[in-house]
Amino acid sequence: MQRNFSFIANSNTLEFLARVVAVIREDDAWISKRRKREVIPWATVTADRAMRYTGVLFPHDWDLAWQAISWCREVMGKREDVNDYEVNLLFSVMDDNFPHEQRALLASLIPKFYREGGSTDSIHLGSVAIRQYFDYLKLECTLPIDTVWGHGYVYRFSDSDSNVLIWSTSSKKLDTGLVYAGRCTVKAHREVHGICSTILTRCAISECGSDIVRA
């Protein structure tokens, strides 16, 4: 049975972050206070909606929330170049419960993890500008984004060796947790905070038994 956080001064950190994952998945958007103020004033901030979320939390929601907490504590928190925001974020996940006034800060961990998370053992794959076949692309997480070209998604995949691959596209939404395969062009090789990622473009991939998704 899920709890209603509305009138509780402190709430469970893991459950709240699982709710944030679920809200991003359901709303197909991440709404920060700044985005609400500057772009879509009628929207509800993701952190606030997560506080009152009563929908179903799937196992993958809990799993991503726990991965984000572990990444924050064990990877981000050990960097030498952490900034003030990251220090505050680290402190917010150190306890099992958090005060409600920190909900916006804590919720921001999820999109940050979606963008920067991944194995520190990841290496670059393929050669830039060369198209190749990838036989195992597990979709770890999806970050909805809005660009000058419209609504889109940043997909973070991992291969069978935990290497990180990123694909930004306006294609139809893929299903997190599923494994895809297909041909993609390697657009670039990047390294952020010691995590190497392979940036993909022009992907034509499919999950077993489904139609090919192209972009």
C-alpha atoms as a PDB file:
ATOM      1  CA  MET A   1       0.000   0.000   0.000  1.00  0.00           C
ATOM      2  CA  GLN A   2       1.459   3.360  -1.005  1.00  0.00           C
ATOM      3  CA  ARG A   3       1.482   6.249   1.382  1.00  0.00           C
ATOM      4  CA  ASN A   4       0.146   9.751   0.860  1.00  0.00           C
ATOM      5  CA  PHE A   5       3.006  12.152   1.536  1.00  0.00           C
ATOM      6  CA  SER A   6       0.850  15.276   1.617  1.00  0.00           C
ATOM      7  CA  PHE A   7       0.698  15.722   5.387  1.00  0.00           C
ATOM      8  CA  ILE A   8       3.928  13.990   6.429  1.00  0.00           C
ATOM      9  CA  ALA A   9       6.823  16.272   7.385  1.00  0.00           C
ATOM     10  CA  ASN A  10       9.445  13.725   6.288  1.00  0.00           C
ATOM     11  CA  SER A  11       9.144  11.064   3.600  1.00  0.00           C
ATOM     12  CA  ASN A  12      11.013   7.998   2.417  1.00  0.00           C
ATOM     13  CA  THR A  13      13.762   8.954  -0.035  1.00  0.00           C
ATOM     14  CA  LEU A  14      13.632   5.808  -2.173  1.00  0.00           C
ATOM     15  CA  GLU A  15       9.849   5.801  -2.509  1.00  0.00           C
ATOM     16  CA  PHE A  16       9.759   9.482  -3.422  1.00  0.00           C
ATOM     17  CA  LEU A  17      12.380   9.028  -6.143  1.00  0.00           C
ATOM     18  CA  ALA A  18      10.483   6.008  -7.490  1.00  0.00           C
ATOM     19  CA  ARG A  19       7.464   8.299  -7.732  1.00  0.00           C
ATOM     20  CA  VAL A  20       9.546  10.881  -9.609  1.00  0.00           C
ATOM     21  CA  VAL A  21      10.580   8.184 -12.110  1.00  0.00           C
ATOM     22  CA  ALA A  22       6.925   7.196 -12.537  1.00  0.00           C
ATOM     23  CA  VAL A  23       5.754  10.794 -13.008  1.00  0.00           C
ATOM     24  CA  ILE A  24       8.399  11.469 -15.683  1.00  0.00           C
ATOM     25  CA  ARG A  25       7.334   8.260 -17.424  1.00  0.00           C
ATOM     26  CA  GLU A  26       3.624   9.066 -17.270  1.00  0.00           C
ATOM     27  CA  ASP A  27       3.863  12.785 -18.082  1.00  0.00           C
ATOM     28  CA  ASP A  28       6.533  12.225 -20.730  1.00  0.00           C
ATOM     29  CA  ALA A  29       8.253  15.314 -19.334  1.00  0.00           C
ATOM     30  CA  TRP A  30      10.522  16.668 -16.612  1.00  0.00           C
ATOM     31  CA  ILE A  31       9.122  19.933 -15.211  1.00  0.00           C
ATOM     32  CA  SER A  32      11.479  21.910 -12.997  1.00  0.00           C
ATOM     33  CA  LYS A  33      10.505  25.094 -11.178  1.00  0.00           C
ATOM     34  CA  ARG A  34      12.478  27.108 -13.724  1.00  0.00           C
ATOM     35  CA  ARG A  35      10.816  25.426 -16.700  1.00  0.00           C
ATOM     36  CA  LYS A  36       7.381  26.029 -15.188  1.00  0.00           C
ATOM     37  CA  ARG A  37       8.194  29.683 -14.597  1.00  0.00           C
ATOM     38  CA  GLU A  38       9.756  30.375 -18.001  1.00  0.00           C
ATOM     39  CA  VAL A  39       8.029  28.002 -20.433  1.00  0.00           C
ATOM     40  CA  ILE A  40       4.857  26.297 -19.216  1.00  0.00           C
ATOM     41  CA  PRO A  41       3.347  28.145 -16.228  1.00  0.00           C
ATOM     42  CA  TRP A  42       0.191  25.966 -16.251  1.00  0.00           C
ATOM     43  CA  ALA A  43       2.154  22.728 -15.634  1.00  0.00           C
ATOM     44  CA  THR A  44       2.729  21.074 -12.270  1.00  0.00           C
ATOM     45  CA  VAL A  45       6.331  20.794 -11.126  1.00  0.00           C
ATOM     46  CA  THR A  46       7.438  17.141 -11.256  1.00  0.00           C
ATOM     47  CA  ALA A  47       8.601  17.144  -7.627  1.00  0.00           C
ATOM     48  CA  ASP A  48       5.233  18.458  -6.426  1.00  0.00           C
ATOM     49  CA  ARG A  49       3.285  15.954  -8.488  1.00  0.00           C
ATOM     50  CA  ALA A  50       5.456  13.127  -7.177  1.00  0.00           C
ATOM     51  CA  MET A  51       4.542  14.078  -3.621  1.00  0.00           C
ATOM     52  CA  ARG A  52       0.878  13.375  -4.405  1.00  0.00           C
ATOM     53  CA  TYR A  53       1.331  10.556  -6.896  1.00  0.00           C
ATOM     54  CA  THR A  54      -0.991   7.589  -6.245  1.00  0.00           C
ATOM     55  CA  GLY A  55      -0.428   5.577  -9.419  1.00  0.00           C
ATOM     56  CA  VAL A  56       1.236   2.205  -9.742  1.00  0.00           C
ATOM     57  CA  LEU A  57       4.977   1.995  -9.095  1.00  0.00           C
ATOM     58  CA  PHE A  58       6.496  -0.670 -11.310  1.00  0.00           C
ATOM     59  CA  PRO A  59       9.625  -2.659 -10.361  1.00  0.00           C
ATOM     60  CA  HIS A  60      11.645  -0.680 -12.900  1.00  0.00           C
ATOM     61  CA  ASP A  61      10.633   2.586 -11.174  1.00  0.00           C
ATOM     62  CA  TRP A  62      12.044   1.318  -7.874  1.00  0.00           C
ATOM     63  CA  ASP A  63      15.136  -0.046  -9.613  1.00  0.00           C
ATOM     64  CA  LEU A  64      15.965   3.221 -11.362  1.00  0.00           C
ATOM     65  CA  ALA A  65      15.421   5.168  -8.138  1.00  0.00           C
ATOM     66  CA  TRP A  66      17.831   2.894  -6.270  1.00  0.00           C
ATOM     67  CA  GLN A  67      20.379   3.084  -9.097  1.00  0.00           C
ATOM     68  CA  ALA A  68      20.223   6.886  -8.932  1.00  0.00           C
ATOM     69  CA  ILE A  69      20.773   6.908  -5.159  1.00  0.00           C
ATOM     70  CA  SER A  70      23.680   4.467  -5.428  1.00  0.00           C
ATOM     71  CA  TRP A  71      25.245   6.450  -8.278  1.00  0.00           C
ATOM     72  CA  CYS A  72      24.957   9.692  -6.304  1.00  0.00           C
ATOM     73  CA  ARG A  73      26.551   8.187  -3.195  1.00  0.00           C
ATOM     74  CA  GLU A  74      29.223   6.026  -4.792  1.00  0.00           C
ATOM     75  CA  VAL A  75      30.166   7.799  -8.033  1.00  0.00           C
ATOM     76  CA  MET A  76      29.141  11.452  -8.059  1.00  0.00           C
ATOM     77  CA  GLY A  77      29.933  11.923  -4.378  1.00  0.00           C
ATOM     78  CA  LYS A  78      33.519  10.760  -4.829  1.00  0.00           C
ATOM     79  CA  ARG A  79      34.424  13.190  -7.594  1.00  0.00           C
ATOM     80  CA  GLU A  80      37.049  15.782  -6.810  1.00  0.00           C
ATOM     81  CA  ASP A  81      35.244  18.521  -8.730  1.00  0.00           C
ATOM     82  CA  VAL A  82      31.793  18.385  -7.120  1.00  0.00           C
ATOM     83  CA  ASN A  83      30.014  21.754  -7.047  1.00  0.00           C
ATOM     84  CA  ASP A  84      27.771  23.199  -4.333  1.00  0.00           C
ATOM     85  CA  TYR A  85      24.606  21.837  -5.945  1.00  0.00           C
ATOM     86  CA  GLU A  86      26.084  18.333  -6.083  1.00  0.00           C
ATOM     87  CA  VAL A  87      27.217  18.521  -2.458  1.00  0.00           C
ATOM     88  CA  ASN A  88      23.691  19.467  -1.379  1.00  0.00           C
ATOM     89  CA  LEU A  89      22.256  16.713  -3.554  1.00  0.00           C
ATOM     90  CA  LEU A  90      24.595  14.176  -1.991  1.00  0.00           C
ATOM     91  CA  PHE A  91      23.552  15.187   1.518  1.00  0.00           C
ATOM     92  CA  SER A  92      19.886  14.891   0.523  1.00  0.00           C
ATOM     93  CA  VAL A  93      20.265  11.182  -0.334  1.00  0.00           C
ATOM     94  CA  MET A  94      22.403  10.156   2.625  1.00  0.00           C
ATOM     95  CA  ASP A  95      19.398   9.471   4.866  1.00  0.00           C
ATOM     96  CA  ASP A  96      16.477   7.122   4.323  1.00  0.00           C
ATOM     97  CA  ASN A  97      14.046  10.024   4.816  1.00  0.00           C
ATOM     98  CA  PHE A  98      14.068  13.640   3.657  1.00  0.00           C
ATOM     99  CA  PRO A  99      12.280  16.853   4.692  1.00  0.00           C
ATOM    100  CA  HIS A 100       9.652  18.021   2.203  1.00  0.00           C
ATOM    101  CA  GLU A 101      11.289  21.390   1.630  1.00  0.00           C
ATOM    102  CA  GLN A 102      14.106  19.505  -0.145  1.00  0.00           C
ATOM    103  CA  ARG A 103      11.802  17.757  -2.627  1.00  0.00           C
ATOM    104  CA  ALA A 104      12.797  19.837  -5.672  1.00  0.00           C
ATOM    105  CA  LEU A 105      16.506  19.316  -4.980  1.00  0.00           C
ATOM    106  CA  LEU A 106      16.068  15.591  -4.402  1.00  0.00           C
ATOM    107  CA  ALA A 107      13.852  15.106  -7.461  1.00  0.00           C
ATOM    108  CA  SER A 108      16.514  16.705  -9.682  1.00  0.00           C
ATOM    109  CA  LEU A 109      18.701  13.656  -9.038  1.00  0.00           C
ATOM    110  CA  ILE A 110      16.653  11.591 -11.494  1.00  0.00           C
ATOM    111  CA  PRO A 111      17.225  13.672 -14.684  1.00  0.00           C
ATOM    112  CA  LYS A 112      20.846  14.206 -13.610  1.00  0.00           C
ATOM    113  CA  PHE A 113      21.317  10.447 -13.282  1.00  0.00           C
ATOM    114  CA  TYR A 114      19.593   9.895 -16.629  1.00  0.00           C
ATOM    115  CA  ARG A 115      22.088  12.282 -18.264  1.00  0.00           C
ATOM    116  CA  GLU A 116      25.309  11.380 -16.448  1.00  0.00           C
ATOM    117  CA  GLY A 117      24.875   7.885 -14.993  1.00  0.00           C
ATOM    118  CA  GLY A 118      26.473   4.726 -16.256  1.00  0.00           C
ATOM    119  CA  SER A 119      29.345   2.406 -15.541  1.00  0.00           C
ATOM    120  CA  THR A 120      32.764   3.939 -14.910  1.00  0.00           C
ATOM    121  CA  ASP A 121      34.154   0.933 -16.818  1.00  0.00           C
ATOM    122  CA  SER A 122      32.407   2.058 -20.002  1.00  0.00           C
ATOM    123  CA  ILE A 123      34.579   2.450 -23.110  1.00  0.00           C
ATOM    124  CA  HIS A 124      33.987   4.089 -26.488  1.00  0.00           C
ATOM    125  CA  LEU A 125      32.586   1.844 -29.209  1.00  0.00           C
ATOM    126  CA  GLY A 126      33.028   1.924 -32.972  1.00  0.00           C
ATOM    127  CA  SER A 127      34.485   4.714 -35.107  1.00  0.00           C
ATOM    128  CA  VAL A 128      32.980   8.170 -35.540  1.00  0.00           C
ATOM    129  CA  ALA A 129      30.895   8.553 -38.736  1.00  0.00           C
ATOM    130  CA  ILE A 130      30.872   4.790 -39.309  1.00  0.00           C
ATOM    131  CA  ARG A 131      27.579   2.892 -39.367  1.00  0.00           C
ATOM    132  CA  GLN A 132      27.512  -0.470 -37.614  1.00  0.00           C
ATOM    133  CA  TYR A 133      25.226  -3.125 -36.162  1.00  0.00           C
ATOM    134  CA  PHE A 134      24.607  -3.261 -32.413  1.00  0.00           C
ATOM    135  CA  ASP A 135      23.159  -6.591 -31.274  1.00  0.00           C
ATOM    136  CA  TYR A 136      22.389  -5.668 -27.640  1.00  0.00           C
ATOM    137  CA  LEU A 137      21.116  -2.249 -26.589  1.00  0.00           C
ATOM    138  CA  LYS A 138      19.297  -2.354 -23.265  1.00  0.00           C
ATOM    139  CA  LEU A 139      17.336   0.851 -22.697  1.00  0.00           C
ATOM    140  CA  GLU A 140      18.272   1.903 -19.161  1.00  0.00           C
ATOM    141  CA  CYS A 141      16.377   5.197 -18.968  1.00  0.00           C
ATOM    142  CA  THR A 142      14.578   7.848 -21.007  1.00  0.00           C
ATOM    143  CA  LEU A 143      14.757  11.604 -20.450  1.00  0.00           C
ATOM    144  CA  PRO A 144      12.016  13.583 -22.272  1.00  0.00           C
ATOM    145  CA  ILE A 145      13.307  16.876 -23.700  1.00  0.00           C
ATOM    146  CA  ASP A 146      11.976  19.865 -25.628  1.00  0.00           C
ATOM    147  CA  THR A 147      14.138  21.334 -28.371  1.00  0.00           C
ATOM    148  CA  VAL A 148      13.741  23.924 -31.134  1.00  0.00           C
ATOM    149  CA  TRP A 149      12.637  21.005 -33.319  1.00  0.00           C
ATOM    150  CA  GLY A 150       9.913  19.905 -30.886  1.00  0.00           C
ATOM    151  CA  HIS A 151       9.487  17.177 -28.291  1.00  0.00           C
ATOM    152  CA  GLY A 152      12.099  14.442 -28.154  1.00  0.00           C
ATOM    153  CA  TYR A 153      13.923  11.937 -26.005  1.00  0.00           C
ATOM    154  CA  VAL A 154      17.425  11.200 -24.789  1.00  0.00           C
ATOM    155  CA  TYR A 155      17.815   7.433 -24.508  1.00  0.00           C
ATOM    156  CA  ARG A 156      20.622   5.890 -22.460  1.00  0.00           C
ATOM    157  CA  PHE A 157      21.455   2.309 -23.429  1.00  0.00           C
ATOM    158  CA  SER A 158      23.971  -0.186 -22.118  1.00  0.00           C
ATOM    159  CA  ASP A 159      25.433  -3.094 -24.053  1.00  0.00           C
ATOM    160  CA  SER A 160      26.292  -6.535 -22.685  1.00  0.00           C
ATOM    161  CA  ASP A 161      29.582  -5.152 -21.298  1.00  0.00           C
ATOM    162  CA  SER A 162      27.908  -2.185 -19.536  1.00  0.00           C
ATOM    163  CA  ASN A 163      29.228   0.338 -22.057  1.00  0.00           C
ATOM    164  CA  VAL A 164      27.115   3.506 -22.284  1.00  0.00           C
ATOM    165  CA  LEU A 165      25.426   4.549 -25.541  1.00  0.00           C
ATOM    166  CA  ILE A 166      23.298   7.695 -25.980  1.00  0.00           C
ATOM    167  CA  TRP A 167      20.710   8.423 -28.681  1.00  0.00           C
ATOM    168  CA  SER A 168      18.818  11.736 -28.905  1.00  0.00           C
ATOM    169  CA  THR A 169      15.805  11.605 -31.209  1.00  0.00           C
ATOM    170  CA  SER A 170      12.265  12.775 -31.813  1.00  0.00           C
ATOM    171  CA  SER A 171      11.213   9.226 -32.703  1.00  0.00           C
ATOM    172  CA  LYS A 172       8.380   7.486 -30.929  1.00  0.00           C
ATOM    173  CA  LYS A 173       9.005   6.577 -27.331  1.00  0.00           C
ATOM    174  CA  LEU A 174      10.799   3.306 -26.673  1.00  0.00           C
ATOM    175  CA  ASP A 175      10.136   1.080 -23.668  1.00  0.00           C
ATOM    176  CA  THR A 176      12.605   1.325 -20.807  1.00  0.00           C
ATOM    177  CA  GLY A 177      14.041  -2.001 -19.718  1.00  0.00           C
ATOM    178  CA  LEU A 178      13.722  -3.692 -23.120  1.00  0.00           C
ATOM    179  CA  VAL A 179      16.613  -4.809 -25.295  1.00  0.00           C
ATOM    180  CA  TYR A 180      16.901  -3.491 -28.865  1.00  0.00           C
ATOM    181  CA  ALA A 181      19.184  -4.245 -31.794  1.00  0.00           C
ATOM    182  CA  GLY A 182      19.916  -2.639 -35.134  1.00  0.00           C
ATOM    183  CA  ARG A 183      22.161  -0.381 -37.174  1.00  0.00           C
ATOM    184  CA  CYS A 184      23.314   3.029 -35.917  1.00  0.00           C
ATOM    185  CA  THR A 185      25.886   5.596 -36.925  1.00  0.00           C
ATOM    186  CA  VAL A 186      28.438   6.597 -34.298  1.00  0.00           C
ATOM    187  CA  LYS A 187      28.119  10.385 -34.078  1.00  0.00           C
ATOM    188  CA  ALA A 188      30.723  11.131 -31.399  1.00  0.00           C
ATOM    189  CA  HIS A 189      32.700   9.831 -28.456  1.00  0.00           C
ATOM    190  CA  ARG A 190      32.306  11.737 -25.196  1.00  0.00           C
ATOM    191  CA  GLU A 191      33.587  11.508 -21.653  1.00  0.00           C
ATOM    192  CA  VAL A 192      31.813  13.213 -18.748  1.00  0.00           C
ATOM    193  CA  HIS A 193      33.175  12.860 -15.215  1.00  0.00           C
ATOM    194  CA  GLY A 194      35.169   9.786 -16.177  1.00  0.00           C
ATOM    195  CA  ILE A 195      32.235   7.947 -17.850  1.00  0.00           C
ATOM    196  CA  CYS A 196      32.806   7.266 -21.543  1.00  0.00           C
ATOM    197  CA  SER A 197      29.739   7.271 -23.765  1.00  0.00           C
ATOM    198  CA  THR A 198      29.180   6.535 -27.445  1.00  0.00           C
ATOM    199  CA  ILE A 199      26.763   8.999 -29.071  1.00  0.00           C
ATOM    200  CA  LEU A 200      24.529   7.442 -31.710  1.00  0.00           C
ATOM    201  CA  THR A 201      22.518   8.914 -34.580  1.00  0.00           C
ATOM    202  CA  ARG A 202      20.424   7.670 -37.526  1.00  0.00           C
ATOM    203  CA  CYS A 203      19.401   4.557 -35.622  1.00  0.00           C
ATOM    204  CA  ALA A 204      17.212   1.864 -37.161  1.00  0.00           C
ATOM    205  CA  ILE A 205      16.566  -0.442 -34.237  1.00  0.00           C
ATOM    206  CA  SER A 206      13.886  -2.843 -33.100  1.00  0.00           C
ATOM    207  CA  GLU A 207      12.924  -4.939 -30.129  1.00  0.00           C
ATOM    208  CA  CYS A 208      12.450  -8.617 -30.936  1.00  0.00           C
ATOM    209  CA  GLY A 209       9.171  -9.120 -32.759  1.00  0.00           C
ATOM    210  CA  SER A 210       8.424  -5.410 -33.313  1.00  0.00           C
ATOM    211  CA  ASP A 211       8.719  -2.938 -36.183  1.00  0.00           C
ATOM    212  CA  ILE A 212      11.962  -1.076 -36.764  1.00  0.00           C
ATOM    213  CA  VAL A 213      12.181   2.412 -35.243  1.00  0.00           C
ATOM    214  CA  ARG A 214      14.111   4.828 -37.459  1.00  0.00           C
ATOM    215  CA  ALA A 215      15.486   8.323 -36.855  1.00  0.00           C
END
